[in-house]
């Protein structure tokens, strides 16, 4: 057991990480970007005394720095960069080559790539001071560049996940010297929404996906640093 900080933990994969680690007895720092505490995290913190809820919008570098300062001296065994966006509510054409809306591209990069690297940088001393020393990033198969995708859509999302992987790999030399393991996960096509009616056939249950990732995380060592993994721990192509 140890201490885990999770970004974007009010629903989906992030909430499952918070729930499952809390049930295992870990000290859980569950973060969200809302103005008020989401009902999901309020209920979780009421159920488990080992869960604390903090506000952290990865777009707000001042919030990231403020929370890092608040937690100064607190070792964080596991940092999970989970917060991200796949859509900003725009039509699919906005991310499709030929009809791209270039005005929204920065939003994806700031949330999915620049936010996580800022979080990793701000909390690096906390992770270095811990026993387990692990930074986990929830990426996507969409971040692969080793083979063309089936269509030219989701371009901004794909680019941002590729950037996330690239930034985290570039951090590896510094992390390795500090004894910190850094990996990226492709969790699979996972249901993360609120309305069950919108769930698509084939989408995976987040509870199953997170349980598999936790088992993989438990077995990570420094030798795994820089790997792009599926939830079961197999190395994925870039």
C-alpha atoms as a PDB file:
ATOM      1  CA  UNK A   1       0.000   0.000   0.000  1.00  0.00           C
ATOM      2  CA  UNK A   2       0.994   3.608  -0.442  1.00  0.00           C
ATOM      3  CA  UNK A   3      -0.295   6.992  -1.562  1.00  0.00           C
ATOM      4  CA  UNK A   4      -1.786   7.561  -5.022  1.00  0.00           C
ATOM      5  CA  UNK A   5      -2.741  10.853  -6.674  1.00  0.00           C
ATOM      6  CA  UNK A   6      -5.168  10.578  -9.587  1.00  0.00           C
ATOM      7  CA  UNK A   7      -6.169  13.349 -11.992  1.00  0.00           C
ATOM      8  CA  UNK A   8      -9.647  13.375 -13.540  1.00  0.00           C
ATOM      9  CA  UNK A   9     -10.996  11.010 -10.906  1.00  0.00           C
ATOM     10  CA  UNK A  10     -14.678  11.931 -10.778  1.00  0.00           C
ATOM     11  CA  UNK A  11     -15.838   9.389 -13.374  1.00  0.00           C
ATOM     12  CA  UNK A  12     -14.778   6.577 -15.689  1.00  0.00           C
ATOM     13  CA  UNK A  13     -11.289   5.168 -15.414  1.00  0.00           C
ATOM     14  CA  UNK A  14     -10.168   7.793 -12.892  1.00  0.00           C
ATOM     15  CA  UNK A  15     -13.048   7.078 -10.534  1.00  0.00           C
ATOM     16  CA  UNK A  16     -12.382   3.349 -10.798  1.00  0.00           C
ATOM     17  CA  UNK A  17      -8.737   3.860  -9.907  1.00  0.00           C
ATOM     18  CA  UNK A  18      -9.765   5.923  -6.878  1.00  0.00           C
ATOM     19  CA  UNK A  19     -12.381   3.362  -5.826  1.00  0.00           C
ATOM     20  CA  UNK A  20     -10.205   0.291  -6.213  1.00  0.00           C
ATOM     21  CA  UNK A  21      -7.142   1.791  -4.541  1.00  0.00           C
ATOM     22  CA  UNK A  22      -9.303   3.064  -1.675  1.00  0.00           C
ATOM     23  CA  UNK A  23     -10.724  -0.427  -1.213  1.00  0.00           C
ATOM     24  CA  UNK A  24      -7.166  -1.785  -1.073  1.00  0.00           C
ATOM     25  CA  UNK A  25      -6.343   0.563   1.790  1.00  0.00           C
ATOM     26  CA  UNK A  26      -4.210   3.061  -0.115  1.00  0.00           C
ATOM     27  CA  UNK A  27      -4.235   6.749   0.764  1.00  0.00           C
ATOM     28  CA  UNK A  28      -6.054   8.227  -2.239  1.00  0.00           C
ATOM     29  CA  UNK A  29      -5.811  11.839  -3.380  1.00  0.00           C
ATOM     30  CA  UNK A  30      -8.637  12.119  -5.892  1.00  0.00           C
ATOM     31  CA  UNK A  31      -8.649  15.278  -7.994  1.00  0.00           C
ATOM     32  CA  UNK A  32     -11.259  16.937 -10.193  1.00  0.00           C
ATOM     33  CA  UNK A  33     -11.706  20.238 -12.055  1.00  0.00           C
ATOM     34  CA  UNK A  34     -15.267  21.154 -10.999  1.00  0.00           C
ATOM     35  CA  UNK A  35     -16.260  24.221  -8.985  1.00  0.00           C
ATOM     36  CA  UNK A  36     -17.830  21.942  -6.372  1.00  0.00           C
ATOM     37  CA  UNK A  37     -17.021  18.386  -5.325  1.00  0.00           C
ATOM     38  CA  UNK A  38     -18.697  15.936  -7.736  1.00  0.00           C
ATOM     39  CA  UNK A  39     -21.272  13.614  -6.176  1.00  0.00           C
ATOM     40  CA  UNK A  40     -19.179  10.579  -7.144  1.00  0.00           C
ATOM     41  CA  UNK A  41     -16.168  11.756  -5.146  1.00  0.00           C
ATOM     42  CA  UNK A  42     -18.275  13.048  -2.290  1.00  0.00           C
ATOM     43  CA  UNK A  43     -19.777   9.582  -1.916  1.00  0.00           C
ATOM     44  CA  UNK A  44     -16.359   7.916  -2.194  1.00  0.00           C
ATOM     45  CA  UNK A  45     -14.792  10.131   0.466  1.00  0.00           C
ATOM     46  CA  UNK A  46     -17.744   9.474   2.767  1.00  0.00           C
ATOM     47  CA  UNK A  47     -17.336   5.737   2.266  1.00  0.00           C
ATOM     48  CA  UNK A  48     -13.559   5.672   2.796  1.00  0.00           C
ATOM     49  CA  UNK A  49     -11.630   7.678   5.379  1.00  0.00           C
ATOM     50  CA  UNK A  50      -8.471   7.198   3.318  1.00  0.00           C
ATOM     51  CA  UNK A  51      -9.810   9.302   0.402  1.00  0.00           C
ATOM     52  CA  UNK A  52      -9.224  13.044   0.174  1.00  0.00           C
ATOM     53  CA  UNK A  53     -10.616  15.178  -2.643  1.00  0.00           C
ATOM     54  CA  UNK A  54      -8.727  18.092  -4.205  1.00  0.00           C
ATOM     55  CA  UNK A  55      -9.410  20.521  -7.029  1.00  0.00           C
ATOM     56  CA  UNK A  56      -6.953  20.230  -9.916  1.00  0.00           C
ATOM     57  CA  UNK A  57      -7.640  21.425 -13.454  1.00  0.00           C
ATOM     58  CA  UNK A  58      -4.698  20.355 -15.630  1.00  0.00           C
ATOM     59  CA  UNK A  59      -5.254  23.506 -17.711  1.00  0.00           C
ATOM     60  CA  UNK A  60      -4.547  25.613 -14.627  1.00  0.00           C
ATOM     61  CA  UNK A  61      -0.842  25.534 -13.935  1.00  0.00           C
ATOM     62  CA  UNK A  62      -1.409  27.729 -10.900  1.00  0.00           C
ATOM     63  CA  UNK A  63      -3.706  25.066  -9.442  1.00  0.00           C
ATOM     64  CA  UNK A  64      -1.146  22.359 -10.141  1.00  0.00           C
ATOM     65  CA  UNK A  65       1.594  24.328  -8.410  1.00  0.00           C
ATOM     66  CA  UNK A  66      -0.707  25.205  -5.505  1.00  0.00           C
ATOM     67  CA  UNK A  67      -1.616  21.581  -4.837  1.00  0.00           C
ATOM     68  CA  UNK A  68       2.015  20.516  -5.133  1.00  0.00           C
ATOM     69  CA  UNK A  69       2.895  23.160  -2.536  1.00  0.00           C
ATOM     70  CA  UNK A  70       0.011  22.089  -0.297  1.00  0.00           C
ATOM     71  CA  UNK A  71       1.279  18.502  -0.412  1.00  0.00           C
ATOM     72  CA  UNK A  72       4.917  19.430   0.077  1.00  0.00           C
ATOM     73  CA  UNK A  73       6.559  16.776   2.212  1.00  0.00           C
ATOM     74  CA  UNK A  74       3.929  14.172   1.281  1.00  0.00           C
ATOM     75  CA  UNK A  75       5.479  11.226  -0.599  1.00  0.00           C
ATOM     76  CA  UNK A  76       3.328  10.074  -3.533  1.00  0.00           C
ATOM     77  CA  UNK A  77       4.064   6.466  -4.436  1.00  0.00           C
ATOM     78  CA  UNK A  78       1.950   6.480  -7.568  1.00  0.00           C
ATOM     79  CA  UNK A  79       0.958   9.424  -9.763  1.00  0.00           C
ATOM     80  CA  UNK A  80      -1.734   8.606 -12.338  1.00  0.00           C
ATOM     81  CA  UNK A  81      -2.159  11.128 -15.147  1.00  0.00           C
ATOM     82  CA  UNK A  82      -5.676  10.181 -16.178  1.00  0.00           C
ATOM     83  CA  UNK A  83      -7.411  13.494 -16.982  1.00  0.00           C
ATOM     84  CA  UNK A  84      -8.040  13.961 -20.692  1.00  0.00           C
ATOM     85  CA  UNK A  85     -10.530  14.782 -23.421  1.00  0.00           C
ATOM     86  CA  UNK A  86     -11.537  12.930 -26.582  1.00  0.00           C
ATOM     87  CA  UNK A  87     -14.064  15.492 -27.755  1.00  0.00           C
ATOM     88  CA  UNK A  88     -14.878  19.114 -27.047  1.00  0.00           C
ATOM     89  CA  UNK A  89     -18.454  18.690 -28.220  1.00  0.00           C
ATOM     90  CA  UNK A  90     -17.686  19.661 -31.801  1.00  0.00           C
ATOM     91  CA  UNK A  91     -18.859  17.564 -34.778  1.00  0.00           C
ATOM     92  CA  UNK A  92     -16.605  14.758 -35.976  1.00  0.00           C
ATOM     93  CA  UNK A  93     -15.710  16.830 -39.023  1.00  0.00           C
ATOM     94  CA  UNK A  94     -13.841  19.268 -36.751  1.00  0.00           C
ATOM     95  CA  UNK A  95     -11.185  16.589 -36.199  1.00  0.00           C
ATOM     96  CA  UNK A  96     -11.237  15.097 -39.716  1.00  0.00           C
ATOM     97  CA  UNK A  97      -8.608  15.928 -42.299  1.00  0.00           C
ATOM     98  CA  UNK A  98     -10.096  18.135 -44.998  1.00  0.00           C
ATOM     99  CA  UNK A  99     -12.599  19.788 -42.673  1.00  0.00           C
ATOM    100  CA  UNK A 100     -10.385  20.392 -39.633  1.00  0.00           C
ATOM    101  CA  UNK A 101     -11.255  23.105 -37.161  1.00  0.00           C
ATOM    102  CA  UNK A 102      -7.778  24.372 -36.329  1.00  0.00           C
ATOM    103  CA  UNK A 103      -9.086  26.655 -33.603  1.00  0.00           C
ATOM    104  CA  UNK A 104      -9.716  23.699 -31.285  1.00  0.00           C
ATOM    105  CA  UNK A 105      -6.388  21.912 -31.753  1.00  0.00           C
ATOM    106  CA  UNK A 106      -4.712  23.660 -28.836  1.00  0.00           C
ATOM    107  CA  UNK A 107      -7.394  22.484 -26.405  1.00  0.00           C
ATOM    108  CA  UNK A 108      -6.481  18.844 -27.009  1.00  0.00           C
ATOM    109  CA  UNK A 109      -2.759  19.440 -26.677  1.00  0.00           C
ATOM    110  CA  UNK A 110      -3.098  21.463 -23.489  1.00  0.00           C
ATOM    111  CA  UNK A 111      -5.319  18.903 -21.737  1.00  0.00           C
ATOM    112  CA  UNK A 112      -3.938  15.614 -23.041  1.00  0.00           C
ATOM    113  CA  UNK A 113      -0.218  16.383 -23.333  1.00  0.00           C
ATOM    114  CA  UNK A 114       0.906  19.638 -21.748  1.00  0.00           C
ATOM    115  CA  UNK A 115      -1.254  19.183 -18.637  1.00  0.00           C
ATOM    116  CA  UNK A 116       0.136  15.754 -17.742  1.00  0.00           C
ATOM    117  CA  UNK A 117       3.760  16.768 -18.229  1.00  0.00           C
ATOM    118  CA  UNK A 118       3.193  19.793 -15.990  1.00  0.00           C
ATOM    119  CA  UNK A 119       1.614  17.541 -13.339  1.00  0.00           C
ATOM    120  CA  UNK A 120       4.551  15.129 -13.600  1.00  0.00           C
ATOM    121  CA  UNK A 121       7.029  17.985 -13.241  1.00  0.00           C
ATOM    122  CA  UNK A 122       5.254  19.588 -10.281  1.00  0.00           C
ATOM    123  CA  UNK A 123       4.857  16.335  -8.340  1.00  0.00           C
ATOM    124  CA  UNK A 124       8.197  14.820  -9.348  1.00  0.00           C
ATOM    125  CA  UNK A 125       9.763  15.579  -5.920  1.00  0.00           C
ATOM    126  CA  UNK A 126       6.800  13.938  -4.171  1.00  0.00           C
ATOM    127  CA  UNK A 127       7.189  10.773  -6.239  1.00  0.00           C
ATOM    128  CA  UNK A 128      10.961  10.749  -5.824  1.00  0.00           C
ATOM    129  CA  UNK A 129      10.501  10.904  -2.033  1.00  0.00           C
ATOM    130  CA  UNK A 130       8.241   7.833  -2.001  1.00  0.00           C
ATOM    131  CA  UNK A 131       9.000   4.131  -1.753  1.00  0.00           C
ATOM    132  CA  UNK A 132       7.329   2.897  -4.952  1.00  0.00           C
ATOM    133  CA  UNK A 133       8.227   5.816  -7.278  1.00  0.00           C
ATOM    134  CA  UNK A 134       5.819   5.306 -10.202  1.00  0.00           C
ATOM    135  CA  UNK A 135       4.242   7.665 -12.751  1.00  0.00           C
ATOM    136  CA  UNK A 136       1.496   6.169 -14.910  1.00  0.00           C
ATOM    137  CA  UNK A 137      -0.067   7.931 -17.893  1.00  0.00           C
ATOM    138  CA  UNK A 138      -3.362   6.913 -19.458  1.00  0.00           C
ATOM    139  CA  UNK A 139      -2.735   7.187 -23.172  1.00  0.00           C
ATOM    140  CA  UNK A 140      -4.524   5.497 -26.078  1.00  0.00           C
ATOM    141  CA  UNK A 141      -3.973   3.271 -29.086  1.00  0.00           C
ATOM    142  CA  UNK A 142      -4.820   6.447 -31.010  1.00  0.00           C
ATOM    143  CA  UNK A 143      -1.380   7.709 -30.041  1.00  0.00           C
ATOM    144  CA  UNK A 144       0.350   5.170 -32.273  1.00  0.00           C
ATOM    145  CA  UNK A 145       2.261   6.388 -35.323  1.00  0.00           C
ATOM    146  CA  UNK A 146       3.732   3.047 -36.414  1.00  0.00           C
ATOM    147  CA  UNK A 147       0.802   2.289 -38.689  1.00  0.00           C
ATOM    148  CA  UNK A 148      -1.924   4.396 -40.329  1.00  0.00           C
ATOM    149  CA  UNK A 149      -5.329   4.512 -38.591  1.00  0.00           C
ATOM    150  CA  UNK A 150      -8.462   3.220 -40.373  1.00  0.00           C
ATOM    151  CA  UNK A 151      -9.650   6.762 -41.117  1.00  0.00           C
ATOM    152  CA  UNK A 152      -8.375  10.358 -40.975  1.00  0.00           C
ATOM    153  CA  UNK A 153     -10.583  11.400 -38.069  1.00  0.00           C
ATOM    154  CA  UNK A 154      -9.933  12.201 -34.404  1.00  0.00           C
ATOM    155  CA  UNK A 155      -6.817  13.974 -35.631  1.00  0.00           C
ATOM    156  CA  UNK A 156      -6.381  16.387 -32.735  1.00  0.00           C
ATOM    157  CA  UNK A 157      -7.019  13.664 -30.178  1.00  0.00           C
ATOM    158  CA  UNK A 158      -4.569  11.322 -31.893  1.00  0.00           C
ATOM    159  CA  UNK A 159      -1.895  14.018 -32.110  1.00  0.00           C
ATOM    160  CA  UNK A 160      -2.301  14.909 -28.452  1.00  0.00           C
ATOM    161  CA  UNK A 161      -1.897  11.304 -27.308  1.00  0.00           C
ATOM    162  CA  UNK A 162       1.179  10.905 -29.526  1.00  0.00           C
ATOM    163  CA  UNK A 163       2.536  14.056 -27.912  1.00  0.00           C
ATOM    164  CA  UNK A 164       1.793  12.691 -24.441  1.00  0.00           C
ATOM    165  CA  UNK A 165       3.770   9.538 -25.189  1.00  0.00           C
ATOM    166  CA  UNK A 166       6.639  11.533 -26.665  1.00  0.00           C
ATOM    167  CA  UNK A 167       6.859  13.927 -23.730  1.00  0.00           C
ATOM    168  CA  UNK A 168       6.830  11.143 -21.171  1.00  0.00           C
ATOM    169  CA  UNK A 169       9.509   9.163 -22.995  1.00  0.00           C
ATOM    170  CA  UNK A 170      11.640  12.304 -23.185  1.00  0.00           C
ATOM    171  CA  UNK A 171      11.326  12.575 -19.391  1.00  0.00           C
ATOM    172  CA  UNK A 172      12.684   9.041 -18.920  1.00  0.00           C
ATOM    173  CA  UNK A 173      16.413   9.887 -18.570  1.00  0.00           C
ATOM    174  CA  UNK A 174      15.678  12.262 -15.674  1.00  0.00           C
ATOM    175  CA  UNK A 175      13.159   9.875 -14.123  1.00  0.00           C
ATOM    176  CA  UNK A 176      15.518   6.912 -14.343  1.00  0.00           C
ATOM    177  CA  UNK A 177      18.257   8.778 -12.487  1.00  0.00           C
ATOM    178  CA  UNK A 178      15.720   9.458  -9.727  1.00  0.00           C
ATOM    179  CA  UNK A 179      14.657   5.806  -9.643  1.00  0.00           C
ATOM    180  CA  UNK A 180      11.172   6.636 -10.963  1.00  0.00           C
ATOM    181  CA  UNK A 181       9.294   4.271 -13.267  1.00  0.00           C
ATOM    182  CA  UNK A 182       7.343   6.046 -16.046  1.00  0.00           C
ATOM    183  CA  UNK A 183       4.938   4.173 -18.332  1.00  0.00           C
ATOM    184  CA  UNK A 184       2.054   4.862 -20.697  1.00  0.00           C
ATOM    185  CA  UNK A 185      -1.073   2.703 -20.885  1.00  0.00           C
ATOM    186  CA  UNK A 186      -3.405   1.839 -23.716  1.00  0.00           C
ATOM    187  CA  UNK A 187      -6.378   0.707 -21.592  1.00  0.00           C
ATOM    188  CA  UNK A 188      -8.614  -0.295 -24.508  1.00  0.00           C
ATOM    189  CA  UNK A 189     -11.994   1.001 -25.609  1.00  0.00           C
ATOM    190  CA  UNK A 190     -13.530   1.659 -22.206  1.00  0.00           C
ATOM    191  CA  UNK A 191     -16.948   3.005 -21.224  1.00  0.00           C
ATOM    192  CA  UNK A 192     -16.357   6.265 -19.341  1.00  0.00           C
ATOM    193  CA  UNK A 193     -19.681   8.066 -19.741  1.00  0.00           C
ATOM    194  CA  UNK A 194     -22.611   8.716 -17.463  1.00  0.00           C
ATOM    195  CA  UNK A 195     -25.621   7.611 -19.494  1.00  0.00           C
ATOM    196  CA  UNK A 196     -25.740   3.830 -19.896  1.00  0.00           C
ATOM    197  CA  UNK A 197     -28.092   4.260 -22.869  1.00  0.00           C
ATOM    198  CA  UNK A 198     -25.208   5.754 -24.852  1.00  0.00           C
ATOM    199  CA  UNK A 199     -22.888   2.841 -24.178  1.00  0.00           C
ATOM    200  CA  UNK A 200     -21.706   1.215 -27.391  1.00  0.00           C
ATOM    201  CA  UNK A 201     -21.413  -2.499 -28.017  1.00  0.00           C
ATOM    202  CA  UNK A 202     -17.913  -3.726 -27.329  1.00  0.00           C
ATOM    203  CA  UNK A 203     -16.975  -1.032 -24.837  1.00  0.00           C
ATOM    204  CA  UNK A 204     -15.169  -2.448 -21.824  1.00  0.00           C
ATOM    205  CA  UNK A 205     -16.250  -2.190 -18.204  1.00  0.00           C
ATOM    206  CA  UNK A 206     -13.940   0.307 -16.444  1.00  0.00           C
ATOM    207  CA  UNK A 207     -13.866  -1.877 -13.322  1.00  0.00           C
ATOM    208  CA  UNK A 208     -12.372  -4.758 -15.303  1.00  0.00           C
ATOM    209  CA  UNK A 209      -9.954  -2.519 -17.188  1.00  0.00           C
ATOM    210  CA  UNK A 210      -8.684  -0.778 -14.057  1.00  0.00           C
ATOM    211  CA  UNK A 211      -8.307  -4.037 -12.121  1.00  0.00           C
ATOM    212  CA  UNK A 212      -6.045  -5.327 -14.901  1.00  0.00           C
ATOM    213  CA  UNK A 213      -4.000  -2.107 -14.974  1.00  0.00           C
ATOM    214  CA  UNK A 214      -3.563  -2.135 -11.203  1.00  0.00           C
ATOM    215  CA  UNK A 215      -2.221  -5.675 -11.361  1.00  0.00           C
ATOM    216  CA  UNK A 216       0.214  -4.563 -14.065  1.00  0.00           C
ATOM    217  CA  UNK A 217       1.209  -1.441 -12.098  1.00  0.00           C
ATOM    218  CA  UNK A 218       1.924  -3.580  -9.037  1.00  0.00           C
ATOM    219  CA  UNK A 219       4.537  -5.505 -11.009  1.00  0.00           C
ATOM    220  CA  UNK A 220       6.280  -2.547 -12.670  1.00  0.00           C
ATOM    221  CA  UNK A 221       9.974  -1.998 -12.011  1.00  0.00           C
ATOM    222  CA  UNK A 222      12.466   0.608 -13.146  1.00  0.00           C
ATOM    223  CA  UNK A 223      13.313  -1.628 -16.103  1.00  0.00           C
ATOM    224  CA  UNK A 224       9.812  -0.935 -17.475  1.00  0.00           C
ATOM    225  CA  UNK A 225      10.400   2.814 -17.719  1.00  0.00           C
ATOM    226  CA  UNK A 226       9.418   4.228 -21.107  1.00  0.00           C
ATOM    227  CA  UNK A 227       7.190   1.324 -22.133  1.00  0.00           C
ATOM    228  CA  UNK A 228       3.808   1.727 -23.843  1.00  0.00           C
ATOM    229  CA  UNK A 229       1.637  -1.031 -22.398  1.00  0.00           C
ATOM    230  CA  UNK A 230      -1.791  -2.551 -22.748  1.00  0.00           C
ATOM    231  CA  UNK A 231      -3.740  -3.111 -19.538  1.00  0.00           C
ATOM    232  CA  UNK A 232      -2.258  -6.609 -19.135  1.00  0.00           C
ATOM    233  CA  UNK A 233       1.314  -5.352 -19.366  1.00  0.00           C
ATOM    234  CA  UNK A 234       2.199  -6.329 -22.933  1.00  0.00           C
ATOM    235  CA  UNK A 235       4.314  -3.806 -24.850  1.00  0.00           C
ATOM    236  CA  UNK A 236       2.374  -2.065 -27.601  1.00  0.00           C
ATOM    237  CA  UNK A 237       3.655  -0.775 -30.950  1.00  0.00           C
ATOM    238  CA  UNK A 238       4.105   2.937 -31.314  1.00  0.00           C
END
